[in-house]
Amino acid sequence: MAGVGRPRAFDPDVVLDAAIDVFWRRGYEGASLSELTAAMGIKPPSLYATFGDKARLFQSALRRYVDRNMGYITDALAQPTAFAVAAAFLTGNVIAVTTPGRPAGCLSVQAAVATEGSTQLAHLTENRARIQCLFADRFRRAINEGDLREDEDPDELAAFLITVSSGFAIRAADGVTRESLLAMARHALTGFPTPLSTSRFAEHQATDPKDHTHA
């Protein structure tokens, strides 16, 4: 009975961050329980007691990843025009997928590439779909406000951004530099309606990268 009520000897957020790193590099199926517990510095009974099984650990890790690394999405959605939304999102995404000190790319993309035939793949797909819906809703608002033409398709514009950003994650994992990806973002934005001038887009690039590294 001595252990009853004893507080955990570890910080759940710290060990979740370690699990994120393993899932990010190895995918869901590729991340073994022994590899996860070794990285997290805990024993399997502690993992099960705190997070449940491996599947629920992955879901907790994905939620923490989104909360910790994707705040740039919220910042982008708050921009005053549709083009500014797109520019802020793609710029923030490039900065996030090329942040020193953590794996290149994006957990939801890299893990999906390494995850096949799993319910966890559905969670990753649903996560991207939720983000895409947020942008589609924002572009519908832009149409209602007269910022976008009425004949624009908000769902197509949102899908365009998610597709481009997913490509950035894969290319970042290939070792493509931040500067090259930002140049690709500029080219991608030429296909977005009512574009800003190159000089105004440069203002988005000039934002302090530290503003996005916790996104």
C-alpha atoms as a PDB file:
ATOM      1  CA  MET A   1       0.000   0.000   0.000  1.00  0.00           C
ATOM      2  CA  ALA A   2       3.029   2.272   0.220  1.00  0.00           C
ATOM      3  CA  GLY A   3       2.672   3.270  -3.399  1.00  0.00           C
ATOM      4  CA  VAL A   4      -1.007   4.183  -3.217  1.00  0.00           C
ATOM      5  CA  GLY A   5      -1.550   7.865  -3.908  1.00  0.00           C
ATOM      6  CA  ARG A   6       2.118   8.447  -4.687  1.00  0.00           C
ATOM      7  CA  PRO A   7       2.541  11.158  -7.371  1.00  0.00           C
ATOM      8  CA  ARG A   8       4.014  10.254 -10.734  1.00  0.00           C
ATOM      9  CA  ALA A   9       7.782  10.402 -10.918  1.00  0.00           C
ATOM     10  CA  PHE A  10       7.649  11.934 -14.401  1.00  0.00           C
ATOM     11  CA  ASP A  11       6.053  14.837 -16.232  1.00  0.00           C
ATOM     12  CA  PRO A  12       3.459  13.462 -18.709  1.00  0.00           C
ATOM     13  CA  ASP A  13       4.101  16.334 -21.134  1.00  0.00           C
ATOM     14  CA  VAL A  14       7.845  15.677 -21.152  1.00  0.00           C
ATOM     15  CA  VAL A  15       7.436  11.974 -21.879  1.00  0.00           C
ATOM     16  CA  LEU A  16       4.773  12.773 -24.500  1.00  0.00           C
ATOM     17  CA  ASP A  17       7.277  15.026 -26.253  1.00  0.00           C
ATOM     18  CA  ALA A  18       9.689  12.076 -26.347  1.00  0.00           C
ATOM     19  CA  ALA A  19       6.943   9.873 -27.806  1.00  0.00           C
ATOM     20  CA  ILE A  20       6.202  12.526 -30.434  1.00  0.00           C
ATOM     21  CA  ASP A  21       9.818  12.376 -31.577  1.00  0.00           C
ATOM     22  CA  VAL A  22       9.681   8.576 -31.973  1.00  0.00           C
ATOM     23  CA  PHE A  23       6.349   8.588 -33.824  1.00  0.00           C
ATOM     24  CA  TRP A  24       7.570  11.463 -35.988  1.00  0.00           C
ATOM     25  CA  ARG A  25      10.669   9.562 -37.080  1.00  0.00           C
ATOM     26  CA  ARG A  26       9.255   6.041 -37.210  1.00  0.00           C
ATOM     27  CA  GLY A  27       5.538   6.296 -37.914  1.00  0.00           C
ATOM     28  CA  TYR A  28       2.916   4.483 -35.851  1.00  0.00           C
ATOM     29  CA  GLU A  29       3.668   0.888 -36.870  1.00  0.00           C
ATOM     30  CA  GLY A  30       7.422   1.503 -36.957  1.00  0.00           C
ATOM     31  CA  ALA A  31       7.523   2.788 -33.371  1.00  0.00           C
ATOM     32  CA  SER A  32       7.900  -0.265 -31.113  1.00  0.00           C
ATOM     33  CA  LEU A  33       6.756  -0.252 -27.513  1.00  0.00           C
ATOM     34  CA  SER A  34      10.328  -0.844 -26.342  1.00  0.00           C
ATOM     35  CA  GLU A  35      11.589   2.085 -28.420  1.00  0.00           C
ATOM     36  CA  LEU A  36       8.836   4.334 -27.082  1.00  0.00           C
ATOM     37  CA  THR A  37       9.360   3.463 -23.420  1.00  0.00           C
ATOM     38  CA  ALA A  38      13.146   3.800 -23.781  1.00  0.00           C
ATOM     39  CA  ALA A  39      12.787   7.280 -25.307  1.00  0.00           C
ATOM     40  CA  MET A  40      10.175   8.284 -22.737  1.00  0.00           C
ATOM     41  CA  GLY A  41      12.274   6.966 -19.844  1.00  0.00           C
ATOM     42  CA  ILE A  42       9.402   4.988 -18.316  1.00  0.00           C
ATOM     43  CA  LYS A  43       8.409   1.352 -17.921  1.00  0.00           C
ATOM     44  CA  PRO A  44       5.518  -0.218 -19.871  1.00  0.00           C
ATOM     45  CA  PRO A  45       3.248  -0.364 -16.771  1.00  0.00           C
ATOM     46  CA  SER A  46       3.640   3.412 -16.347  1.00  0.00           C
ATOM     47  CA  LEU A  47       2.839   3.965 -20.020  1.00  0.00           C
ATOM     48  CA  TYR A  48      -0.341   1.904 -19.759  1.00  0.00           C
ATOM     49  CA  ALA A  49      -1.379   3.498 -16.473  1.00  0.00           C
ATOM     50  CA  THR A  50      -0.888   7.055 -17.764  1.00  0.00           C
ATOM     51  CA  PHE A  51      -1.775   6.906 -21.457  1.00  0.00           C
ATOM     52  CA  GLY A  52      -3.494   3.571 -22.032  1.00  0.00           C
ATOM     53  CA  ASP A  53      -2.285   1.431 -24.908  1.00  0.00           C
ATOM     54  CA  LYS A  54      -0.019   2.413 -27.805  1.00  0.00           C
ATOM     55  CA  ALA A  55      -2.938   3.634 -29.909  1.00  0.00           C
ATOM     56  CA  ARG A  56      -4.138   6.020 -27.218  1.00  0.00           C
ATOM     57  CA  LEU A  57      -0.562   7.166 -26.601  1.00  0.00           C
ATOM     58  CA  PHE A  58      -0.322   8.067 -30.277  1.00  0.00           C
ATOM     59  CA  GLN A  59      -3.580  10.012 -30.144  1.00  0.00           C
ATOM     60  CA  SER A  60      -2.374  11.913 -27.058  1.00  0.00           C
ATOM     61  CA  ALA A  61       0.931  12.625 -28.798  1.00  0.00           C
ATOM     62  CA  LEU A  62      -0.859  13.931 -31.889  1.00  0.00           C
ATOM     63  CA  ARG A  63      -3.048  16.260 -29.802  1.00  0.00           C
ATOM     64  CA  ARG A  64      -0.009  17.619 -27.975  1.00  0.00           C
ATOM     65  CA  TYR A  65       1.845  18.026 -31.267  1.00  0.00           C
ATOM     66  CA  VAL A  66      -1.005  20.078 -32.706  1.00  0.00           C
ATOM     67  CA  ASP A  67      -1.232  22.235 -29.568  1.00  0.00           C
ATOM     68  CA  ARG A  68       2.536  22.742 -29.358  1.00  0.00           C
ATOM     69  CA  ASN A  69       3.566  23.060 -32.990  1.00  0.00           C
ATOM     70  CA  MET A  70       0.678  24.364 -35.069  1.00  0.00           C
ATOM     71  CA  GLY A  71      -0.301  27.675 -33.492  1.00  0.00           C
ATOM     72  CA  TYR A  72       0.697  29.374 -36.739  1.00  0.00           C
ATOM     73  CA  ILE A  73      -2.589  28.086 -38.152  1.00  0.00           C
ATOM     74  CA  THR A  74      -4.566  30.140 -35.640  1.00  0.00           C
ATOM     75  CA  ASP A  75      -2.387  33.157 -36.433  1.00  0.00           C
ATOM     76  CA  ALA A  76      -2.966  32.699 -40.166  1.00  0.00           C
ATOM     77  CA  LEU A  77      -6.740  32.378 -39.824  1.00  0.00           C
ATOM     78  CA  ALA A  78      -6.820  35.696 -37.972  1.00  0.00           C
ATOM     79  CA  GLN A  79      -5.277  37.619 -40.884  1.00  0.00           C
ATOM     80  CA  PRO A  80      -7.511  40.322 -42.411  1.00  0.00           C
ATOM     81  CA  THR A  81      -7.619  39.101 -46.036  1.00  0.00           C
ATOM     82  CA  ALA A  82      -7.776  35.734 -47.739  1.00  0.00           C
ATOM     83  CA  PHE A  83      -4.420  36.242 -49.409  1.00  0.00           C
ATOM     84  CA  ALA A  84      -2.855  37.276 -46.107  1.00  0.00           C
ATOM     85  CA  VAL A  85      -4.318  34.103 -44.574  1.00  0.00           C
ATOM     86  CA  ALA A  86      -2.709  31.980 -47.291  1.00  0.00           C
ATOM     87  CA  ALA A  87       0.641  33.788 -47.097  1.00  0.00           C
ATOM     88  CA  ALA A  88       0.812  33.583 -43.306  1.00  0.00           C
ATOM     89  CA  PHE A  89      -0.132  29.898 -43.333  1.00  0.00           C
ATOM     90  CA  LEU A  90       2.412  28.835 -45.945  1.00  0.00           C
ATOM     91  CA  THR A  91       5.165  30.943 -44.383  1.00  0.00           C
ATOM     92  CA  GLY A  92       4.367  29.638 -40.896  1.00  0.00           C
ATOM     93  CA  ASN A  93       4.279  26.102 -42.201  1.00  0.00           C
ATOM     94  CA  VAL A  94       7.692  26.422 -43.834  1.00  0.00           C
ATOM     95  CA  ILE A  95       9.176  27.788 -40.608  1.00  0.00           C
ATOM     96  CA  ALA A  96       7.542  25.005 -38.560  1.00  0.00           C
ATOM     97  CA  VAL A  97       8.770  22.163 -40.794  1.00  0.00           C
ATOM     98  CA  THR A  98      12.339  23.507 -40.844  1.00  0.00           C
ATOM     99  CA  THR A  99      12.758  24.311 -37.151  1.00  0.00           C
ATOM    100  CA  PRO A 100      16.215  23.323 -35.859  1.00  0.00           C
ATOM    101  CA  GLY A 101      16.353  20.873 -32.986  1.00  0.00           C
ATOM    102  CA  ARG A 102      13.468  18.658 -34.038  1.00  0.00           C
ATOM    103  CA  PRO A 103      12.769  16.307 -36.964  1.00  0.00           C
ATOM    104  CA  ALA A 104      12.287  18.034 -40.285  1.00  0.00           C
ATOM    105  CA  GLY A 105       8.805  17.961 -41.711  1.00  0.00           C
ATOM    106  CA  CYS A 106       5.481  17.456 -39.946  1.00  0.00           C
ATOM    107  CA  LEU A 107       4.403  14.646 -37.619  1.00  0.00           C
ATOM    108  CA  SER A 108       0.968  14.299 -39.223  1.00  0.00           C
ATOM    109  CA  VAL A 109       2.505  14.006 -42.701  1.00  0.00           C
ATOM    110  CA  GLN A 110       5.641  11.985 -41.915  1.00  0.00           C
ATOM    111  CA  ALA A 111       3.775   9.558 -39.662  1.00  0.00           C
ATOM    112  CA  ALA A 112       1.076   9.119 -42.308  1.00  0.00           C
ATOM    113  CA  VAL A 113       3.677   8.225 -44.944  1.00  0.00           C
ATOM    114  CA  ALA A 114       5.054   5.534 -42.611  1.00  0.00           C
ATOM    115  CA  THR A 115       1.631   4.322 -41.409  1.00  0.00           C
ATOM    116  CA  GLU A 116      -0.432   1.919 -43.483  1.00  0.00           C
ATOM    117  CA  GLY A 117      -3.749   0.181 -42.931  1.00  0.00           C
ATOM    118  CA  SER A 118      -4.211   1.514 -39.414  1.00  0.00           C
ATOM    119  CA  THR A 119      -6.936   3.333 -37.561  1.00  0.00           C
ATOM    120  CA  GLN A 120      -4.169   5.775 -36.639  1.00  0.00           C
ATOM    121  CA  LEU A 121      -3.884   6.729 -40.306  1.00  0.00           C
ATOM    122  CA  ALA A 122      -7.543   7.723 -40.112  1.00  0.00           C
ATOM    123  CA  HIS A 123      -6.758   9.987 -37.149  1.00  0.00           C
ATOM    124  CA  LEU A 124      -3.994  11.687 -39.148  1.00  0.00           C
ATOM    125  CA  THR A 125      -6.292  12.115 -42.140  1.00  0.00           C
ATOM    126  CA  GLU A 126      -9.052  13.517 -39.930  1.00  0.00           C
ATOM    127  CA  ASN A 127      -6.618  15.991 -38.386  1.00  0.00           C
ATOM    128  CA  ARG A 128      -5.701  17.383 -41.808  1.00  0.00           C
ATOM    129  CA  ALA A 129      -9.364  17.431 -42.790  1.00  0.00           C
ATOM    130  CA  ARG A 130     -10.252  19.501 -39.714  1.00  0.00           C
ATOM    131  CA  ILE A 131      -7.565  22.021 -40.584  1.00  0.00           C
ATOM    132  CA  GLN A 132      -8.757  22.167 -44.179  1.00  0.00           C
ATOM    133  CA  CYS A 133     -12.317  22.858 -42.982  1.00  0.00           C
ATOM    134  CA  LEU A 134     -11.075  25.766 -40.875  1.00  0.00           C
ATOM    135  CA  PHE A 135      -9.546  27.380 -43.952  1.00  0.00           C
ATOM    136  CA  ALA A 136     -12.590  26.651 -46.108  1.00  0.00           C
ATOM    137  CA  ASP A 137     -14.805  28.369 -43.529  1.00  0.00           C
ATOM    138  CA  ARG A 138     -12.427  31.337 -43.429  1.00  0.00           C
ATOM    139  CA  PHE A 139     -12.569  31.670 -47.213  1.00  0.00           C
ATOM    140  CA  ARG A 140     -16.367  31.473 -47.173  1.00  0.00           C
ATOM    141  CA  ARG A 141     -16.278  34.412 -44.812  1.00  0.00           C
ATOM    142  CA  ALA A 142     -13.935  36.196 -47.217  1.00  0.00           C
ATOM    143  CA  ILE A 143     -16.465  35.703 -50.014  1.00  0.00           C
ATOM    144  CA  ASN A 144     -19.260  37.060 -47.829  1.00  0.00           C
ATOM    145  CA  GLU A 145     -17.117  40.077 -46.951  1.00  0.00           C
ATOM    146  CA  GLY A 146     -16.303  40.781 -50.603  1.00  0.00           C
ATOM    147  CA  ASP A 147     -12.615  39.929 -50.162  1.00  0.00           C
ATOM    148  CA  LEU A 148     -12.899  36.990 -52.597  1.00  0.00           C
ATOM    149  CA  ARG A 149     -15.013  36.771 -55.734  1.00  0.00           C
ATOM    150  CA  GLU A 150     -18.284  34.910 -55.390  1.00  0.00           C
ATOM    151  CA  ASP A 151     -17.213  32.386 -58.031  1.00  0.00           C
ATOM    152  CA  GLU A 152     -14.229  31.236 -55.968  1.00  0.00           C
ATOM    153  CA  ASP A 153     -14.526  27.780 -54.394  1.00  0.00           C
ATOM    154  CA  PRO A 154     -13.488  27.985 -50.720  1.00  0.00           C
ATOM    155  CA  ASP A 155     -13.104  24.213 -50.442  1.00  0.00           C
ATOM    156  CA  GLU A 156     -10.747  24.103 -53.410  1.00  0.00           C
ATOM    157  CA  LEU A 157      -8.679  26.986 -52.040  1.00  0.00           C
ATOM    158  CA  ALA A 158      -8.398  25.269 -48.653  1.00  0.00           C
ATOM    159  CA  ALA A 159      -7.440  21.963 -50.291  1.00  0.00           C
ATOM    160  CA  PHE A 160      -4.799  23.806 -52.312  1.00  0.00           C
ATOM    161  CA  LEU A 161      -3.166  25.155 -49.144  1.00  0.00           C
ATOM    162  CA  ILE A 162      -3.191  21.784 -47.366  1.00  0.00           C
ATOM    163  CA  THR A 163      -1.754  20.045 -50.424  1.00  0.00           C
ATOM    164  CA  VAL A 164       1.043  22.590 -50.790  1.00  0.00           C
ATOM    165  CA  SER A 165       1.880  22.510 -47.080  1.00  0.00           C
ATOM    166  CA  SER A 166       1.966  18.698 -47.096  1.00  0.00           C
ATOM    167  CA  GLY A 167       4.424  18.876 -49.959  1.00  0.00           C
ATOM    168  CA  PHE A 168       6.560  21.291 -47.961  1.00  0.00           C
ATOM    169  CA  ALA A 169       6.696  18.798 -45.084  1.00  0.00           C
ATOM    170  CA  ILE A 170       7.879  16.008 -47.362  1.00  0.00           C
ATOM    171  CA  ARG A 171      10.475  18.200 -49.065  1.00  0.00           C
ATOM    172  CA  ALA A 172      11.726  19.501 -45.710  1.00  0.00           C
ATOM    173  CA  ALA A 173      12.237  15.889 -44.600  1.00  0.00           C
ATOM    174  CA  ASP A 174      14.238  15.416 -47.812  1.00  0.00           C
ATOM    175  CA  GLY A 175      16.577  18.177 -46.649  1.00  0.00           C
ATOM    176  CA  VAL A 176      15.304  21.084 -48.742  1.00  0.00           C
ATOM    177  CA  THR A 177      16.233  24.362 -47.042  1.00  0.00           C
ATOM    178  CA  ARG A 178      13.901  26.911 -45.520  1.00  0.00           C
ATOM    179  CA  GLU A 179      14.965  29.497 -48.084  1.00  0.00           C
ATOM    180  CA  SER A 180      14.077  27.170 -50.966  1.00  0.00           C
ATOM    181  CA  LEU A 181      10.709  26.328 -49.455  1.00  0.00           C
ATOM    182  CA  LEU A 182       9.907  30.002 -48.934  1.00  0.00           C
ATOM    183  CA  ALA A 183      10.673  30.578 -52.606  1.00  0.00           C
ATOM    184  CA  MET A 184       8.264  27.756 -53.455  1.00  0.00           C
ATOM    185  CA  ALA A 185       5.653  29.417 -51.230  1.00  0.00           C
ATOM    186  CA  ARG A 186       6.008  32.625 -53.236  1.00  0.00           C
ATOM    187  CA  HIS A 187       5.429  30.709 -56.460  1.00  0.00           C
ATOM    188  CA  ALA A 188       2.456  28.846 -54.991  1.00  0.00           C
ATOM    189  CA  LEU A 189       0.852  32.125 -53.939  1.00  0.00           C
ATOM    190  CA  THR A 190       0.871  33.398 -57.509  1.00  0.00           C
ATOM    191  CA  GLY A 191      -1.944  30.915 -58.076  1.00  0.00           C
ATOM    192  CA  PHE A 192      -4.021  32.252 -55.190  1.00  0.00           C
ATOM    193  CA  PRO A 193      -6.745  34.798 -55.988  1.00  0.00           C
ATOM    194  CA  THR A 194      -6.250  38.529 -55.353  1.00  0.00           C
ATOM    195  CA  PRO A 195      -2.528  38.191 -54.572  1.00  0.00           C
ATOM    196  CA  LEU A 196      -0.516  40.789 -52.692  1.00  0.00           C
ATOM    197  CA  SER A 197       2.541  42.304 -54.322  1.00  0.00           C
ATOM    198  CA  THR A 198       5.898  40.575 -53.912  1.00  0.00           C
ATOM    199  CA  SER A 199       7.038  43.320 -51.544  1.00  0.00           C
ATOM    200  CA  ARG A 200       4.007  42.853 -49.300  1.00  0.00           C
ATOM    201  CA  PHE A 201       4.543  39.090 -49.215  1.00  0.00           C
ATOM    202  CA  ALA A 202       8.111  39.794 -48.153  1.00  0.00           C
ATOM    203  CA  GLU A 203       6.662  41.453 -45.057  1.00  0.00           C
ATOM    204  CA  HIS A 204       5.150  38.105 -44.083  1.00  0.00           C
ATOM    205  CA  GLN A 205       8.517  36.398 -44.580  1.00  0.00           C
ATOM    206  CA  ALA A 206      10.248  39.015 -42.458  1.00  0.00           C
ATOM    207  CA  THR A 207       8.218  38.040 -39.387  1.00  0.00           C
ATOM    208  CA  ASP A 208      10.505  36.827 -36.599  1.00  0.00           C
ATOM    209  CA  PRO A 209      10.714  33.017 -36.990  1.00  0.00           C
ATOM    210  CA  LYS A 210      10.587  32.731 -33.196  1.00  0.00           C
ATOM    211  CA  ASP A 211       6.943  33.733 -33.487  1.00  0.00           C
ATOM    212  CA  HIS A 212       6.245  30.439 -35.247  1.00  0.00           C
ATOM    213  CA  THR A 213       8.580  27.900 -33.695  1.00  0.00           C
ATOM    214  CA  HIS A 214       6.099  27.085 -30.949  1.00  0.00           C
ATOM    215  CA  ALA A 215       3.314  26.771 -33.495  1.00  0.00           C
END
